[in-house]
PDB file of N, CA and C in Angstrom:
ATOM      1  N   MET A   1      71.428  96.018  79.732  1.00  0.00           N
ATOM      2  CA  MET A   1      71.702  94.774  78.926  1.00  0.00           C
ATOM      3  C   MET A   1      73.056  94.394  79.138  1.00  0.00           C
ATOM      4  N   LEU A   2      73.970  95.406  79.109  1.00  0.00           N
ATOM      5  CA  LEU A   2      75.345  95.047  79.166  1.00  0.00           C
ATOM      6  C   LEU A   2      75.604  94.547  80.574  1.00  0.00           C
ATOM      7  N   VAL A   3      75.156  95.354  81.782  1.00  0.00           N
ATOM      8  CA  VAL A   3      75.517  94.955  82.968  1.00  0.00           C
ATOM      9  C   VAL A   3      74.710  93.696  83.354  1.00  0.00           C
ATOM     10  N   GLY A   4      73.775  93.354  82.843  1.00  0.00           N
ATOM     11  CA  GLY A   4      72.980  92.070  83.091  1.00  0.00           C
ATOM     12  C   GLY A   4      73.815  90.876  82.562  1.00  0.00           C
ATOM     13  N   ILE A   5      74.342  90.970  81.350  1.00  0.00           N
ATOM     14  CA  ILE A   5      75.167  89.853  80.791  1.00  0.00           C
ATOM     15  C   ILE A   5      76.273  89.876  81.581  1.00  0.00           C
ATOM     16  N   ALA A   6      77.127  90.805  81.973  1.00  0.00           N
ATOM     17  CA  ALA A   6      78.377  90.820  82.695  1.00  0.00           C
ATOM     18  C   ALA A   6      78.087  90.055  84.058  1.00  0.00           C
ATOM     19  N   VAL A   7      77.078  90.636  84.586  1.00  0.00           N
ATOM     20  CA  VAL A   7      76.897  89.872  85.912  1.00  0.00           C
ATOM     21  C   VAL A   7      76.413  88.578  85.910  1.00  0.00           C
ATOM     22  N   ASN A   8      75.836  88.182  84.999  1.00  0.00           N
ATOM     23  CA  ASN A   8      75.294  86.790  84.622  1.00  0.00           C
ATOM     24  C   ASN A   8      76.673  85.958  84.540  1.00  0.00           C
ATOM     25  N   ASP A   9      77.468  86.403  83.724  1.00  0.00           N
ATOM     26  CA  ASP A   9      78.605  85.611  83.519  1.00  0.00           C
ATOM     27  C   ASP A   9      79.613  85.528  84.819  1.00  0.00           C
ATOM     28  N   SER A  10      79.484  86.387  85.449  1.00  0.00           N
ATOM     29  CA  SER A  10      80.321  86.354  86.825  1.00  0.00           C
ATOM     30  C   SER A  10      79.684  85.309  87.837  1.00  0.00           C
ATOM     31  N   ILE A  11      78.230  85.402  87.844  1.00  0.00           N
ATOM     32  CA  ILE A  11      77.668  84.492  88.676  1.00  0.00           C
ATOM     33  C   ILE A  11      77.758  83.071  88.357  1.00  0.00           C
ATOM     34  N   ILE A  12      77.925  82.896  87.061  1.00  0.00           N
ATOM     35  CA  ILE A  12      78.130  81.394  86.449  1.00  0.00           C
ATOM     36  C   ILE A  12      79.504  81.051  87.013  1.00  0.00           C
ATOM     37  N   LEU A  13      80.359  81.771  86.802  1.00  0.00           N
ATOM     38  CA  LEU A  13      81.783  81.504  87.241  1.00  0.00           C
ATOM     39  C   LEU A  13      81.877  81.210  88.541  1.00  0.00           C
ATOM     40  N   VAL A  14      81.392  82.063  89.666  1.00  0.00           N
ATOM     41  CA  VAL A  14      81.550  82.035  91.011  1.00  0.00           C
ATOM     42  C   VAL A  14      80.757  80.866  91.509  1.00  0.00           C
ATOM     43  N   ASP A  15      79.542  80.753  90.937  1.00  0.00           N
ATOM     44  CA  ASP A  15      78.636  79.576  91.425  1.00  0.00           C
ATOM     45  C   ASP A  15      79.475  78.245  91.101  1.00  0.00           C
ATOM     46  N   ALA A  16      80.226  78.244  89.976  1.00  0.00           N
ATOM     47  CA  ALA A  16      81.056  76.817  89.775  1.00  0.00           C
ATOM     48  C   ALA A  16      81.962  76.589  90.708  1.00  0.00           C
ATOM     49  N   ILE A  17      82.742  77.829  91.148  1.00  0.00           N
ATOM     50  CA  ILE A  17      83.880  77.633  92.103  1.00  0.00           C
ATOM     51  C   ILE A  17      82.986  77.222  93.456  1.00  0.00           C
ATOM     52  N   ASN A  18      82.048  77.813  93.782  1.00  0.00           N
ATOM     53  CA  ASN A  18      81.454  77.464  95.103  1.00  0.00           C
ATOM     54  C   ASN A  18      81.087  76.078  95.033  1.00  0.00           C
ATOM     55  N   GLN A  19      80.671  75.354  93.911  1.00  0.00           N
ATOM     56  CA  GLN A  19      80.157  74.153  94.061  1.00  0.00           C
ATOM     57  C   GLN A  19      81.299  73.153  93.968  1.00  0.00           C
ATOM     58  N   PHE A  20      82.358  73.492  93.445  1.00  0.00           N
ATOM     59  CA  PHE A  20      83.625  72.648  93.701  1.00  0.00           C
ATOM     60  C   PHE A  20      84.235  72.664  94.963  1.00  0.00           C
ATOM     61  N   ARG A  21      84.119  73.945  95.639  1.00  0.00           N
ATOM     62  CA  ARG A  21      84.583  73.997  96.935  1.00  0.00           C
ATOM     63  C   ARG A  21      83.850  73.374  97.906  1.00  0.00           C
ATOM     64  N   LYS A  22      82.447  73.261  97.646  1.00  0.00           N
ATOM     65  CA  LYS A  22      81.574  72.287  98.609  1.00  0.00           C
ATOM     66  C   LYS A  22      82.017  70.884  98.300  1.00  0.00           C
ATOM     67  N   GLU A  23      82.555  70.368  97.193  1.00  0.00           N
ATOM     68  CA  GLU A  23      83.032  68.979  97.079  1.00  0.00           C
ATOM     69  C   GLU A  23      84.297  68.621  97.613  1.00  0.00           C
ATOM     70  N   GLY A  24      84.958  69.779  98.134  1.00  0.00           N
ATOM     71  CA  GLY A  24      86.066  69.562  99.147  1.00  0.00           C
ATOM     72  C   GLY A  24      87.464  69.878  98.080  1.00  0.00           C
ATOM     73  N   ILE A  25      87.152  70.470  96.929  1.00  0.00           N
ATOM     74  CA  ILE A  25      88.264  70.902  96.286  1.00  0.00           C
ATOM     75  C   ILE A  25      88.938  71.960  96.756  1.00  0.00           C
ATOM     76  N   LYS A  26      90.418  72.135  96.592  1.00  0.00           N
ATOM     77  CA  LYS A  26      90.850  73.274  97.227  1.00  0.00           C
ATOM     78  C   LYS A  26      90.787  74.558  96.300  1.00  0.00           C
ATOM     79  N   LEU A  27      90.849  75.647  97.052  1.00  0.00           N
ATOM     80  CA  LEU A  27      90.723  76.937  96.316  1.00  0.00           C
ATOM     81  C   LEU A  27      91.086  77.135  95.000  1.00  0.00           C
ATOM     82  N   ARG A  28      92.411  77.143  94.890  1.00  0.00           N
ATOM     83  CA  ARG A  28      93.019  77.316  93.641  1.00  0.00           C
ATOM     84  C   ARG A  28      92.528  76.289  92.369  1.00  0.00           C
ATOM     85  N   GLU A  29      92.430  75.011  92.821  1.00  0.00           N
ATOM     86  CA  GLU A  29      92.080  73.957  91.895  1.00  0.00           C
ATOM     87  C   GLU A  29      90.655  74.320  91.421  1.00  0.00           C
ATOM     88  N   ALA A  30      89.742  74.591  92.445  1.00  0.00           N
ATOM     89  CA  ALA A  30      88.412  75.020  92.070  1.00  0.00           C
ATOM     90  C   ALA A  30      88.361  76.149  91.125  1.00  0.00           C
ATOM     91  N   ILE A  31      89.019  76.960  91.281  1.00  0.00           N
ATOM     92  CA  ILE A  31      89.112  78.376  90.436  1.00  0.00           C
ATOM     93  C   ILE A  31      89.618  77.780  89.141  1.00  0.00           C
ATOM     94  N   ILE A  32      90.605  77.090  88.920  1.00  0.00           N
ATOM     95  CA  ILE A  32      91.093  76.663  87.750  1.00  0.00           C
ATOM     96  C   ILE A  32      89.878  75.811  86.988  1.00  0.00           C
ATOM     97  N   LEU A  33      89.471  74.708  87.752  1.00  0.00           N
ATOM     98  CA  LEU A  33      88.523  73.942  87.036  1.00  0.00           C
ATOM     99  C   LEU A  33      87.294  74.626  86.847  1.00  0.00           C
ATOM    100  N   ALA A  34      86.631  75.595  87.502  1.00  0.00           N
ATOM    101  CA  ALA A  34      85.424  76.303  87.304  1.00  0.00           C
ATOM    102  C   ALA A  34      85.906  77.133  85.817  1.00  0.00           C
ATOM    103  N   GLY A  35      86.920  77.645  85.727  1.00  0.00           N
ATOM    104  CA  GLY A  35      87.281  78.512  84.674  1.00  0.00           C
ATOM    105  C   GLY A  35      87.248  77.718  83.335  1.00  0.00           C
ATOM    106  N   GLN A  36      87.843  76.451  83.636  1.00  0.00           N
ATOM    107  CA  GLN A  36      87.919  75.601  82.340  1.00  0.00           C
ATOM    108  C   GLN A  36      86.464  74.971  81.828  1.00  0.00           C
ATOM    109  N   ARG A  37      85.717  74.681  82.968  1.00  0.00           N
ATOM    110  CA  ARG A  37      84.394  74.402  82.815  1.00  0.00           C
ATOM    111  C   ARG A  37      83.339  75.309  82.118  1.00  0.00           C
ATOM    112  N   ARG A  38      83.493  76.491  82.716  1.00  0.00           N
ATOM    113  CA  ARG A  38      82.526  77.748  82.386  1.00  0.00           C
ATOM    114  C   ARG A  38      82.974  78.530  81.279  1.00  0.00           C
ATOM    115  N   ILE A  39      84.136  78.400  80.707  1.00  0.00           N
ATOM    116  CA  ILE A  39      84.573  79.429  79.792  1.00  0.00           C
ATOM    117  C   ILE A  39      83.586  79.256  78.463  1.00  0.00           C
ATOM    118  N   ARG A  40      83.130  78.164  78.031  1.00  0.00           N
ATOM    119  CA  ARG A  40      82.285  77.956  77.019  1.00  0.00           C
ATOM    120  C   ARG A  40      80.971  78.616  76.975  1.00  0.00           C
ATOM    121  N   PRO A  41      80.223  78.500  78.160  1.00  0.00           N
ATOM    122  CA  PRO A  41      79.060  79.169  78.240  1.00  0.00           C
ATOM    123  C   PRO A  41      79.181  80.778  78.280  1.00  0.00           C
ATOM    124  N   ILE A  42      80.303  81.163  79.073  1.00  0.00           N
ATOM    125  CA  ILE A  42      80.474  82.580  79.099  1.00  0.00           C
ATOM    126  C   ILE A  42      80.762  83.122  77.630  1.00  0.00           C
ATOM    127  N   LEU A  43      81.625  82.369  76.900  1.00  0.00           N
ATOM    128  CA  LEU A  43      82.134  82.837  75.698  1.00  0.00           C
ATOM    129  C   LEU A  43      80.769  82.641  74.745  1.00  0.00           C
ATOM    130  N   MET A  44      80.029  81.558  74.751  1.00  0.00           N
ATOM    131  CA  MET A  44      78.728  81.636  74.065  1.00  0.00           C
ATOM    132  C   MET A  44      77.896  82.750  74.208  1.00  0.00           C
ATOM    133  N   THR A  45      77.685  83.256  75.432  1.00  0.00           N
ATOM    134  CA  THR A  45      76.793  84.199  75.898  1.00  0.00           C
ATOM    135  C   THR A  45      77.168  85.485  75.123  1.00  0.00           C
ATOM    136  N   THR A  46      78.567  85.764  75.223  1.00  0.00           N
ATOM    137  CA  THR A  46      79.015  87.086  74.853  1.00  0.00           C
ATOM    138  C   THR A  46      78.974  87.088  73.324  1.00  0.00           C
ATOM    139  N   LEU A  47      79.392  85.989  72.746  1.00  0.00           N
ATOM    140  CA  LEU A  47      79.550  85.879  71.237  1.00  0.00           C
ATOM    141  C   LEU A  47      78.072  85.942  70.504  1.00  0.00           C
ATOM    142  N   THR A  48      77.033  85.309  70.962  1.00  0.00           N
ATOM    143  CA  THR A  48      75.876  85.578  70.524  1.00  0.00           C
ATOM    144  C   THR A  48      75.228  86.916  70.605  1.00  0.00           C
ATOM    145  N   THR A  49      75.375  87.597  71.581  1.00  0.00           N
ATOM    146  CA  THR A  49      74.993  89.016  71.882  1.00  0.00           C
ATOM    147  C   THR A  49      75.833  89.853  70.902  1.00  0.00           C
ATOM    148  N   VAL A  50      77.090  89.671  70.748  1.00  0.00           N
ATOM    149  CA  VAL A  50      78.081  90.577  69.937  1.00  0.00           C
ATOM    150  C   VAL A  50      77.498  90.314  68.410  1.00  0.00           C
ATOM    151  N   LEU A  51      77.284  89.128  68.063  1.00  0.00           N
ATOM    152  CA  LEU A  51      76.864  88.809  66.680  1.00  0.00           C
ATOM    153  C   LEU A  51      75.370  89.355  66.335  1.00  0.00           C
ATOM    154  N   ALA A  52      74.531  89.217  67.323  1.00  0.00           N
ATOM    155  CA  ALA A  52      73.281  89.797  67.201  1.00  0.00           C
ATOM    156  C   ALA A  52      73.232  91.430  66.982  1.00  0.00           C
ATOM    157  N   LEU A  53      74.149  91.931  67.637  1.00  0.00           N
ATOM    158  CA  LEU A  53      74.321  93.468  67.674  1.00  0.00           C
ATOM    159  C   LEU A  53      75.223  93.940  66.370  1.00  0.00           C
ATOM    160  N   PHE A  54      75.863  93.007  65.759  1.00  0.00           N
ATOM    161  CA  PHE A  54      76.758  93.361  64.679  1.00  0.00           C
ATOM    162  C   PHE A  54      75.927  94.240  63.601  1.00  0.00           C
ATOM    163  N   PRO A  55      74.833  93.627  63.076  1.00  0.00           N
ATOM    164  CA  PRO A  55      74.130  94.282  62.031  1.00  0.00           C
ATOM    165  C   PRO A  55      73.887  95.727  62.350  1.00  0.00           C
ATOM    166  N   LEU A  56      73.544  96.007  63.710  1.00  0.00           N
ATOM    167  CA  LEU A  56      73.361  97.441  64.011  1.00  0.00           C
ATOM    168  C   LEU A  56      74.325  98.393  63.787  1.00  0.00           C
ATOM    169  N   THR A  57      75.674  97.795  64.013  1.00  0.00           N
ATOM    170  CA  THR A  57      76.809  98.601  63.790  1.00  0.00           C
ATOM    171  C   THR A  57      77.004  99.229  62.457  1.00  0.00           C
ATOM    172  N   LEU A  58      76.180  98.531  61.324  1.00  0.00           N
ATOM    173  CA  LEU A  58      76.476  98.853  59.811  1.00  0.00           C
ATOM    174  C   LEU A  58      75.664 100.070  59.733  1.00  0.00           C
ATOM    175  N   GLY A  59      74.803 100.346  60.409  1.00  0.00           N
ATOM    176  CA  GLY A  59      74.058 101.771  60.171  1.00  0.00           C
ATOM    177  C   GLY A  59      73.097 101.853  58.986  1.00  0.00           C
ATOM    178  N   PHE A  60      72.206 100.848  58.747  1.00  0.00           N
ATOM    179  CA  PHE A  60      71.230 100.786  57.678  1.00  0.00           C
ATOM    180  C   PHE A  60      69.888 101.153  58.160  1.00  0.00           C
ATOM    181  N   GLY A  61      69.042 102.074  57.606  1.00  0.00           N
ATOM    182  CA  GLY A  61      67.896 102.349  57.973  1.00  0.00           C
ATOM    183  C   GLY A  61      67.660 103.680  58.797  1.00  0.00           C
ATOM    184  N   GLU A  62      66.516 103.947  59.194  1.00  0.00           N
ATOM    185  CA  GLU A  62      66.077 105.243  59.926  1.00  0.00           C
ATOM    186  C   GLU A  62      66.752 105.069  61.253  1.00  0.00           C
ATOM    187  N   SER A  63      67.210 106.382  61.845  1.00  0.00           N
ATOM    188  CA  SER A  63      67.708 106.438  63.108  1.00  0.00           C
ATOM    189  C   SER A  63      68.926 105.488  63.191  1.00  0.00           C
ATOM    190  N   ALA A  64      69.669 105.296  62.315  1.00  0.00           N
ATOM    191  CA  ALA A  64      70.724 104.470  62.489  1.00  0.00           C
ATOM    192  C   ALA A  64      71.878 105.284  63.174  1.00  0.00           C
ATOM    193  N   SER A  65      71.821 106.447  63.066  1.00  0.00           N
ATOM    194  CA  SER A  65      72.793 107.302  63.771  1.00  0.00           C
ATOM    195  C   SER A  65      72.859 107.213  65.265  1.00  0.00           C
ATOM    196  N   LEU A  66      71.577 106.710  65.790  1.00  0.00           N
ATOM    197  CA  LEU A  66      71.433 106.417  67.162  1.00  0.00           C
ATOM    198  C   LEU A  66      71.740 105.016  67.705  1.00  0.00           C
ATOM    199  N   ARG A  67      71.412 104.126  66.688  1.00  0.00           N
ATOM    200  CA  ARG A  67      71.676 102.713  67.124  1.00  0.00           C
ATOM    201  C   ARG A  67      73.068 102.065  66.919  1.00  0.00           C
ATOM    202  N   SER A  68      73.635 102.722  65.972  1.00  0.00           N
ATOM    203  CA  SER A  68      75.135 102.184  65.654  1.00  0.00           C
ATOM    204  C   SER A  68      76.047 102.469  67.063  1.00  0.00           C
ATOM    205  N   PRO A  69      76.029 103.722  67.275  1.00  0.00           N
ATOM    206  CA  PRO A  69      77.079 103.898  68.501  1.00  0.00           C
ATOM    207  C   PRO A  69      76.565 103.104  69.637  1.00  0.00           C
ATOM    208  N   MET A  70      75.390 103.000  69.846  1.00  0.00           N
ATOM    209  CA  MET A  70      74.939 102.085  71.131  1.00  0.00           C
ATOM    210  C   MET A  70      75.281 100.546  70.934  1.00  0.00           C
ATOM    211  N   ALA A  71      75.401 100.039  69.770  1.00  0.00           N
ATOM    212  CA  ALA A  71      75.627  98.793  69.363  1.00  0.00           C
ATOM    213  C   ALA A  71      77.252  98.676  69.599  1.00  0.00           C
ATOM    214  N   TRP A  72      77.903  99.585  69.015  1.00  0.00           N
ATOM    215  CA  TRP A  72      79.437  99.721  69.412  1.00  0.00           C
ATOM    216  C   TRP A  72      79.823  99.613  70.928  1.00  0.00           C
ATOM    217  N   ALA A  73      79.088 100.545  71.610  1.00  0.00           N
ATOM    218  CA  ALA A  73      79.356 100.620  73.111  1.00  0.00           C
ATOM    219  C   ALA A  73      79.072  99.185  73.809  1.00  0.00           C
ATOM    220  N   VAL A  74      78.027  98.499  73.427  1.00  0.00           N
ATOM    221  CA  VAL A  74      77.787  97.340  74.025  1.00  0.00           C
ATOM    222  C   VAL A  74      78.555  96.280  73.660  1.00  0.00           C
ATOM    223  N   ILE A  75      79.205  96.190  72.416  1.00  0.00           N
ATOM    224  CA  ILE A  75      79.985  95.307  71.895  1.00  0.00           C
ATOM    225  C   ILE A  75      81.284  95.504  72.728  1.00  0.00           C
ATOM    226  N   GLY A  76      81.725  96.642  72.944  1.00  0.00           N
ATOM    227  CA  GLY A  76      82.966  96.959  73.450  1.00  0.00           C
ATOM    228  C   GLY A  76      82.928  96.670  74.886  1.00  0.00           C
ATOM    229  N   GLY A  77      81.787  97.016  75.491  1.00  0.00           N
ATOM    230  CA  GLY A  77      81.581  96.587  76.978  1.00  0.00           C
ATOM    231  C   GLY A  77      81.510  95.219  77.170  1.00  0.00           C
ATOM    232  N   LEU A  78      80.890  94.311  76.384  1.00  0.00           N
ATOM    233  CA  LEU A  78      80.901  92.966  76.569  1.00  0.00           C
ATOM    234  C   LEU A  78      82.177  92.334  76.479  1.00  0.00           C
ATOM    235  N   THR A  79      82.841  92.901  75.399  1.00  0.00           N
ATOM    236  CA  THR A  79      84.278  92.189  75.191  1.00  0.00           C
ATOM    237  C   THR A  79      85.194  92.314  76.337  1.00  0.00           C
ATOM    238  N   THR A  80      84.982  93.837  76.925  1.00  0.00           N
ATOM    239  CA  THR A  80      85.919  94.083  78.180  1.00  0.00           C
ATOM    240  C   THR A  80      85.411  93.264  79.200  1.00  0.00           C
ATOM    241  N   SER A  81      84.030  93.168  79.485  1.00  0.00           N
ATOM    242  CA  SER A  81      83.454  92.543  80.712  1.00  0.00           C
ATOM    243  C   SER A  81      83.854  91.177  80.854  1.00  0.00           C
ATOM    244  N   THR A  82      83.983  90.616  79.448  1.00  0.00           N
ATOM    245  CA  THR A  82      84.140  89.016  79.390  1.00  0.00           C
ATOM    246  C   THR A  82      85.503  88.821  79.767  1.00  0.00           C
ATOM    247  N   LEU A  83      86.372  89.447  79.272  1.00  0.00           N
ATOM    248  CA  LEU A  83      87.838  89.345  79.655  1.00  0.00           C
ATOM    249  C   LEU A  83      88.028  89.656  81.223  1.00  0.00           C
ATOM    250  N   LEU A  84      87.362  90.813  81.663  1.00  0.00           N
ATOM    251  CA  LEU A  84      87.501  90.935  83.131  1.00  0.00           C
ATOM    252  C   LEU A  84      86.957  89.820  83.955  1.00  0.00           C
ATOM    253  N   THR A  85      85.683  89.214  83.544  1.00  0.00           N
ATOM    254  CA  THR A  85      85.148  88.204  84.120  1.00  0.00           C
ATOM    255  C   THR A  85      86.092  86.922  84.178  1.00  0.00           C
ATOM    256  N   LEU A  86      86.728  86.620  83.222  1.00  0.00           N
ATOM    257  CA  LEU A  86      87.653  85.500  83.068  1.00  0.00           C
ATOM    258  C   LEU A  86      88.762  85.642  83.804  1.00  0.00           C
ATOM    259  N   VAL A  87      89.372  86.927  84.194  1.00  0.00           N
ATOM    260  CA  VAL A  87      90.539  87.085  84.634  1.00  0.00           C
ATOM    261  C   VAL A  87      90.450  87.726  85.925  1.00  0.00           C
ATOM    262  N   VAL A  88      89.728  88.786  86.198  1.00  0.00           N
ATOM    263  CA  VAL A  88      89.768  89.676  87.446  1.00  0.00           C
ATOM    264  C   VAL A  88      88.958  88.948  88.412  1.00  0.00           C
ATOM    265  N   ILE A  89      87.614  88.484  88.307  1.00  0.00           N
ATOM    266  CA  ILE A  89      86.805  87.711  88.989  1.00  0.00           C
ATOM    267  C   ILE A  89      87.574  86.536  89.909  1.00  0.00           C
ATOM    268  N   PRO A  90      88.113  85.652  89.107  1.00  0.00           N
ATOM    269  CA  PRO A  90      89.035  84.608  89.932  1.00  0.00           C
ATOM    270  C   PRO A  90      90.022  85.068  90.696  1.00  0.00           C
ATOM    271  N   CYS A  91      90.767  86.190  90.410  1.00  0.00           N
ATOM    272  CA  CYS A  91      91.694  86.822  91.166  1.00  0.00           C
ATOM    273  C   CYS A  91      90.996  87.358  92.198  1.00  0.00           C
ATOM    274  N   ILE A  92      90.144  88.161  92.200  1.00  0.00           N
ATOM    275  CA  ILE A  92      89.501  88.588  93.439  1.00  0.00           C
ATOM    276  C   ILE A  92      89.053  87.544  94.366  1.00  0.00           C
ATOM    277  N   TYR A  93      88.311  86.402  93.665  1.00  0.00           N
ATOM    278  CA  TYR A  93      87.974  85.234  94.466  1.00  0.00           C
ATOM    279  C   TYR A  93      89.021  84.649  95.338  1.00  0.00           C
ATOM    280  N   MET A  94      90.031  84.546  94.735  1.00  0.00           N
ATOM    281  CA  MET A  94      91.369  83.941  95.281  1.00  0.00           C
ATOM    282  C   MET A  94      91.791  84.910  96.540  1.00  0.00           C
ATOM    283  N   ILE A  95      91.828  86.238  96.444  1.00  0.00           N
ATOM    284  CA  ILE A  95      92.313  87.076  97.357  1.00  0.00           C
ATOM    285  C   ILE A  95      91.209  86.852  98.687  1.00  0.00           C
ATOM    286  N   PHE A  96      89.886  87.026  98.414  1.00  0.00           N
ATOM    287  CA  PHE A  96      88.792  87.111  99.442  1.00  0.00           C
ATOM    288  C   PHE A  96      88.830  85.552 100.006  1.00  0.00           C
ATOM    289  N   GLY A  97      88.891  84.598  99.322  1.00  0.00           N
ATOM    290  CA  GLY A  97      89.029  83.231  99.597  1.00  0.00           C
ATOM    291  C   GLY A  97      90.067  82.967 100.699  1.00  0.00           C
ATOM    292  N   GLU A  98      91.210  83.611 100.570  1.00  0.00           N
ATOM    293  CA  GLU A  98      92.342  83.375 101.347  1.00  0.00           C
ATOM    294  C   GLU A  98      92.099  84.177 102.544  1.00  0.00           C
ATOM    295  N   VAL A  99      91.603  85.322 102.569  1.00  0.00           N
ATOM    296  CA  VAL A  99      91.304  86.297 103.753  1.00  0.00           C
ATOM    297  C   VAL A  99      90.250  85.790 104.558  1.00  0.00           C
ATOM    298  N   GLY A 100      89.329  85.098 103.821  1.00  0.00           N
ATOM    299  CA  GLY A 100      87.966  84.494 104.682  1.00  0.00           C
ATOM    300  C   GLY A 100      88.626  83.373 105.292  1.00  0.00           C
ATOM    301  N   ARG A 101      89.390  82.386 104.760  1.00  0.00           N
ATOM    302  CA  ARG A 101      89.855  81.253 105.288  1.00  0.00           C
ATOM    303  C   ARG A 101      90.781  81.678 106.475  1.00  0.00           C
ATOM    304  N   LYS A 102      91.721  82.653 106.435  1.00  0.00           N
ATOM    305  CA  LYS A 102      92.399  83.146 107.538  1.00  0.00           C
ATOM    306  C   LYS A 102      91.543  83.632 108.838  1.00  0.00           C
ATOM    307  N   SER A 103      90.624  84.576 108.583  1.00  0.00           N
ATOM    308  CA  SER A 103      89.891  84.922 109.636  1.00  0.00           C
ATOM    309  C   SER A 103      88.998  83.920 110.245  1.00  0.00           C
ATOM    310  N   HIS A 104      88.694  82.997 109.514  1.00  0.00           N
ATOM    311  CA  HIS A 104      87.800  81.664 110.023  1.00  0.00           C
ATOM    312  C   HIS A 104      88.604  80.895 110.913  1.00  0.00           C
ATOM    313  N   LYS A 105      89.918  80.708 110.412  1.00  0.00           N
ATOM    314  CA  LYS A 105      90.970  79.888 111.407  1.00  0.00           C
ATOM    315  C   LYS A 105      90.963  80.525 112.625  1.00  0.00           C
ATOM    316  N   GLU A 106      91.227  81.995 112.537  1.00  0.00           N
ATOM    317  CA  GLU A 106      91.377  82.816 113.863  1.00  0.00           C
ATOM    318  C   GLU A 106      90.362  82.873 114.666  1.00  0.00           C
ATOM    319  N   GLU A 107      89.060  82.825 114.048  1.00  0.00           N
ATOM    320  CA  GLU A 107      87.933  82.688 115.020  1.00  0.00           C
ATOM    321  C   GLU A 107      87.901  81.405 115.779  1.00  0.00           C
ATOM    322  N   VAL A 108      88.107  80.335 114.810  1.00  0.00           N
ATOM    323  CA  VAL A 108      88.006  78.980 115.656  1.00  0.00           C
ATOM    324  C   VAL A 108      89.104  78.847 116.780  1.00  0.00           C
ATOM    325  N   SER A 109      90.294  79.302 116.367  1.00  0.00           N
ATOM    326  CA  SER A 109      91.381  79.282 117.349  1.00  0.00           C
ATOM    327  C   SER A 109      91.089  80.110 118.731  1.00  0.00           C
ATOM    328  N   ALA A 110      90.507  81.169 118.508  1.00  0.00           N
ATOM    329  CA  ALA A 110      90.284  82.087 119.598  1.00  0.00           C
ATOM    330  C   ALA A 110      89.127  81.470 120.424  1.00  0.00           C
ATOM    331  N   GLY A 111      88.142  80.652 119.804  1.00  0.00           N
ATOM    332  CA  GLY A 111      86.983  80.067 120.690  1.00  0.00           C
ATOM    333  C   GLY A 111      87.468  78.971 121.333  1.00  0.00           C
ATOM    334  N   GLU A 112      88.819  78.333 121.199  1.00  0.00           N
ATOM    335  CA  GLU A 112      89.037  77.096 121.804  1.00  0.00           C
ATOM    336  C   GLU A 112      89.562  77.465 123.145  1.00  0.00           C
TER     337      GLU A 112
END
């Protein structure tokens, strides 16, 4: 569950960046614009899951000793993965976008 939500959030962000790049927006501007436009859906996904898991952390009922730690682990993982998605994924995209652009220019100039 945790991995699925984290990957989905990253896909939402990267897809938005790619759409802006296809429209001709520069890499840095596309990353900033995608972050601004997609922060709300990413945060809403995380918050709804965290809020749904919160009652499990209270530990009522049978087998609460099994469910409570799992809920805390998922809440912590979602919080961490959301922060990483909003900070690290754009940075990695920027690094690999620059590397890809430079290698593409080298291939084009070598072919001429």
